[in-house]
Protein backbone atom coordinates (compact mmCIF):
# COMPACT_ATOMS: atom_id res chain seq x y z
CA UNK A 1 0.00 0.00 0.00
CA UNK A 2 1.27 3.46 -0.80
CA UNK A 3 1.84 6.16 1.68
CA UNK A 4 -0.42 9.18 1.64
CA UNK A 5 0.93 12.17 -0.23
CA UNK A 6 1.28 15.19 2.00
CA UNK A 7 -0.72 18.26 1.06
CA UNK A 8 1.43 20.80 -0.79
CA UNK A 9 2.42 23.85 1.15
CA UNK A 10 1.68 27.31 -0.16
CA UNK A 11 5.27 27.61 -1.43
CA UNK A 12 4.97 24.47 -3.58
CA UNK A 13 1.77 25.40 -5.43
CA UNK A 14 2.31 26.19 -9.10
CA UNK A 15 1.73 29.83 -9.87
CA UNK A 16 0.20 30.91 -13.15
CA UNK A 17 2.32 34.05 -13.16
CA UNK A 18 5.52 32.04 -12.84
CA UNK A 19 4.50 29.64 -15.64
CA UNK A 20 3.60 32.41 -18.08
CA UNK A 21 6.76 34.35 -17.19
CA UNK A 22 8.89 31.28 -17.93
CA UNK A 23 7.01 30.83 -21.22
CA UNK A 24 7.60 34.49 -22.12
CA UNK A 25 11.34 34.16 -21.49
CA UNK A 26 11.49 30.92 -23.49
CA UNK A 27 9.70 32.44 -26.48
CA UNK A 28 11.90 35.55 -26.30
CA UNK A 29 15.00 33.34 -26.40
CA UNK A 30 13.47 31.55 -29.38
CA UNK A 31 12.67 34.84 -31.17
CA UNK A 32 16.18 36.33 -30.96
CA UNK A 33 17.91 33.94 -33.43
CA UNK A 34 15.06 34.34 -35.92
CA UNK A 35 15.35 38.13 -35.76
CA UNK A 36 19.14 38.18 -35.98
CA UNK A 37 19.28 35.68 -38.84
CA UNK A 38 16.33 37.32 -40.62
CA UNK A 39 17.91 40.77 -40.57
CA UNK A 40 21.26 39.32 -41.64
CA UNK A 41 19.61 37.55 -44.59
CA UNK A 42 17.69 40.70 -45.54
CA UNK A 43 20.96 42.56 -45.74
CA UNK A 44 22.60 40.15 -48.21
CA UNK A 45 24.50 42.39 -50.62
CA UNK A 46 22.80 41.26 -53.83
CA UNK A 47 22.31 44.57 -55.65
CA UNK A 48 25.27 45.88 -57.64
CA UNK A 49 25.38 49.47 -58.92
CA UNK A 50 28.12 50.67 -61.24
CA UNK A 51 27.96 54.42 -61.89
CA UNK A 52 30.36 56.54 -63.87
CA UNK A 53 30.16 60.28 -64.32
CA UNK A 54 30.93 61.71 -67.75
CA UNK A 55 34.71 61.85 -67.80
CA UNK A 56 34.84 61.28 -64.08
CA UNK A 57 35.40 58.51 -61.59
CA UNK A 58 33.33 55.34 -61.43
CA UNK A 59 31.78 53.96 -58.26
CA UNK A 60 30.86 50.33 -57.67
CA UNK A 61 28.47 49.79 -54.77
CA UNK A 62 26.62 46.78 -53.48
CA UNK A 63 23.60 46.90 -51.24
CA UNK A 64 21.07 44.78 -49.43
CA UNK A 65 17.65 45.78 -48.17
CA UNK A 66 19.11 47.49 -45.09
CA UNK A 67 22.58 48.85 -45.90
CA UNK A 68 24.77 49.90 -48.79
CA UNK A 69 28.55 49.78 -49.09
CA UNK A 70 30.98 51.16 -51.60
CA UNK A 71 33.14 48.43 -53.09
CA UNK A 72 35.47 50.64 -55.10
CA UNK A 73 35.87 54.16 -56.43
CA UNK A 74 37.81 53.89 -59.67
CA UNK A 75 39.32 56.58 -61.86
CA UNK A 76 38.75 55.89 -65.56
CA UNK A 77 42.41 55.12 -66.21
CA UNK A 78 42.29 52.36 -63.54
CA UNK A 79 39.73 50.36 -65.55
CA UNK A 80 41.62 48.11 -67.95
CA UNK A 81 38.85 46.04 -69.53
CA UNK A 82 35.54 44.27 -69.09
CA UNK A 83 35.51 40.49 -69.41
CA UNK A 84 32.67 38.02 -69.52
CA UNK A 85 33.35 35.29 -67.01
CA UNK A 86 31.86 31.89 -67.87
CA UNK A 87 31.37 28.90 -65.64
CA UNK A 88 29.01 26.01 -65.07
CA UNK A 89 26.51 25.72 -62.27
CA UNK A 90 27.15 23.13 -59.59
CA UNK A 91 23.72 21.56 -59.97
CA UNK A 92 23.11 18.07 -61.29
CA UNK A 93 22.09 19.40 -64.70
CA UNK A 94 24.86 21.93 -64.98
CA UNK A 95 24.07 24.89 -67.19
CA UNK A 96 26.43 27.62 -68.32
CA UNK A 97 26.40 30.73 -66.14
CA UNK A 98 27.79 34.18 -66.91
CA UNK A 99 28.97 37.30 -65.09
CA UNK A 100 30.57 40.49 -66.44
CA UNK A 101 33.69 41.46 -64.54
CA UNK A 102 35.76 44.66 -64.45
CA UNK A 103 39.50 44.20 -64.63
CA UNK A 104 41.22 47.13 -62.96
CA UNK A 105 44.58 48.05 -61.52
CA UNK A 106 43.03 47.39 -58.08
CA UNK A 107 41.86 43.88 -59.00
CA UNK A 108 38.81 42.19 -60.49
CA UNK A 109 35.29 43.36 -59.60
CA UNK A 110 32.17 41.44 -60.68
CA UNK A 111 29.27 43.58 -61.90
CA UNK A 112 26.68 40.95 -60.89
CA UNK A 113 26.32 39.67 -57.33
CA UNK A 114 24.92 36.37 -58.61
CA UNK A 115 25.69 34.54 -61.81
CA UNK A 116 23.23 34.97 -64.69
CA UNK A 117 21.93 32.08 -66.76
CA UNK A 118 21.09 34.40 -69.66
CA UNK A 119 24.25 35.09 -71.66
CA UNK A 120 22.60 37.94 -73.58
CA UNK A 121 22.01 39.89 -70.38
CA UNK A 122 25.65 39.59 -69.32
CA UNK A 123 26.89 40.46 -72.83
CA UNK A 124 24.61 43.52 -72.94
CA UNK A 125 26.11 44.87 -69.71
CA UNK A 126 29.64 44.14 -70.94
CA UNK A 127 29.00 45.97 -74.22
CA UNK A 128 27.36 48.90 -72.42
CA UNK A 129 30.44 49.38 -70.22
CA UNK A 130 32.77 48.97 -73.23
CA UNK A 131 30.84 51.66 -75.15
CA UNK A 132 31.22 54.01 -72.21
CA UNK A 133 34.95 53.28 -71.89
CA UNK A 134 35.39 53.98 -75.63
CA UNK A 135 34.02 57.53 -75.19
CA UNK A 136 33.86 58.38 -71.49
CA UNK A 137 33.53 62.14 -71.94
CA UNK A 138 30.10 62.07 -73.63
CA UNK A 139 27.54 60.51 -71.26
CA UNK A 140 27.33 59.11 -67.77
CA UNK A 141 26.95 55.36 -67.23
CA UNK A 142 24.68 53.55 -64.81
CA UNK A 143 24.48 49.76 -64.64
CA UNK A 144 22.32 48.12 -61.99
CA UNK A 145 21.74 44.44 -61.30
CA UNK A 146 19.28 43.66 -58.50
CA UNK A 147 19.21 40.07 -57.20
CA UNK A 148 17.75 40.90 -53.77
CA UNK A 149 14.40 39.17 -54.34
CA UNK A 150 15.57 35.81 -52.95
CA UNK A 151 17.02 37.44 -49.83
CA UNK A 152 13.70 39.23 -49.32
CA UNK A 153 11.79 35.95 -49.36
CA UNK A 154 14.06 34.09 -46.97
CA UNK A 155 15.06 37.01 -44.74
CA UNK A 156 11.50 38.30 -44.67
CA UNK A 157 10.19 34.90 -43.60
CA UNK A 158 12.73 34.60 -40.77
CA UNK A 159 12.07 38.17 -39.63
CA UNK A 160 8.30 37.62 -39.73
CA UNK A 161 8.63 34.51 -37.55
CA UNK A 162 10.83 36.47 -35.13
CA UNK A 163 8.32 39.34 -34.94
CA UNK A 164 5.43 36.89 -34.43
CA UNK A 165 7.36 35.24 -31.60
CA UNK A 166 8.04 38.66 -30.05
CA UNK A 167 4.34 39.52 -30.21
CA UNK A 168 3.50 36.22 -28.53
CA UNK A 169 6.19 36.94 -25.92
CA UNK A 170 4.63 40.33 -25.22
CA UNK A 171 1.20 38.75 -24.84
CA UNK A 172 2.61 36.14 -22.43
CA UNK A 173 4.39 38.85 -20.42
CA UNK A 174 1.16 40.83 -20.10
CA UNK A 175 -0.70 37.67 -19.02
CA UNK A 176 2.02 36.96 -16.47
CA UNK A 177 1.66 40.47 -15.07
CA UNK A 178 -2.13 40.06 -14.88
CA UNK A 179 -1.76 36.69 -13.11
CA UNK A 180 0.76 38.18 -10.68
CA UNK A 181 -1.62 40.99 -9.74
CA UNK A 182 -4.45 38.50 -9.25
CA UNK A 183 -2.23 36.32 -7.04
CA UNK A 184 -1.11 39.31 -4.96
CA UNK A 185 -4.72 40.45 -4.51
CA UNK A 186 -5.71 36.92 -3.40
CA UNK A 187 -2.77 36.77 -0.96
CA UNK A 188 -3.66 40.09 0.69
CA UNK A 189 -7.37 39.24 0.98
């Protein structure tokens, strides 16, 4: 036969405020990696801008959804040529991929953040830059390639999950506060 279980003391009773507070902390800890990773993915530098003033210096910048950084500021005489880099994708059915690349005295700078599968698009950018380099005094040049859509999908999804978890955390914290007030009122009565 089993022994009788002693009645729990007031200190051993589970408190609703304590349970919801622990849940709020747990969901906050869960939300932080989603927010950090989501914002990091949103800021993937997948947009490349190459701008040259008429007869002036050229600026290559790359940007994500949150920040922008200058990769290089190049005088016209530093740009040696524009090459079309070719490779093959690493997928099972490998397809040719292309990317225009500036060759300068400071090194090589790709004009696309991600490789393009359309050769005509890469050739068009290469020819546009070559036309500008042939007569740089006439017009300004602006080449933009924006591949940020994929980072928006993934980073946006992670950020949305993080925000939803933060909202749930806030709701749990408010419930914990309400439970705590109810428990204090019951203890004083």
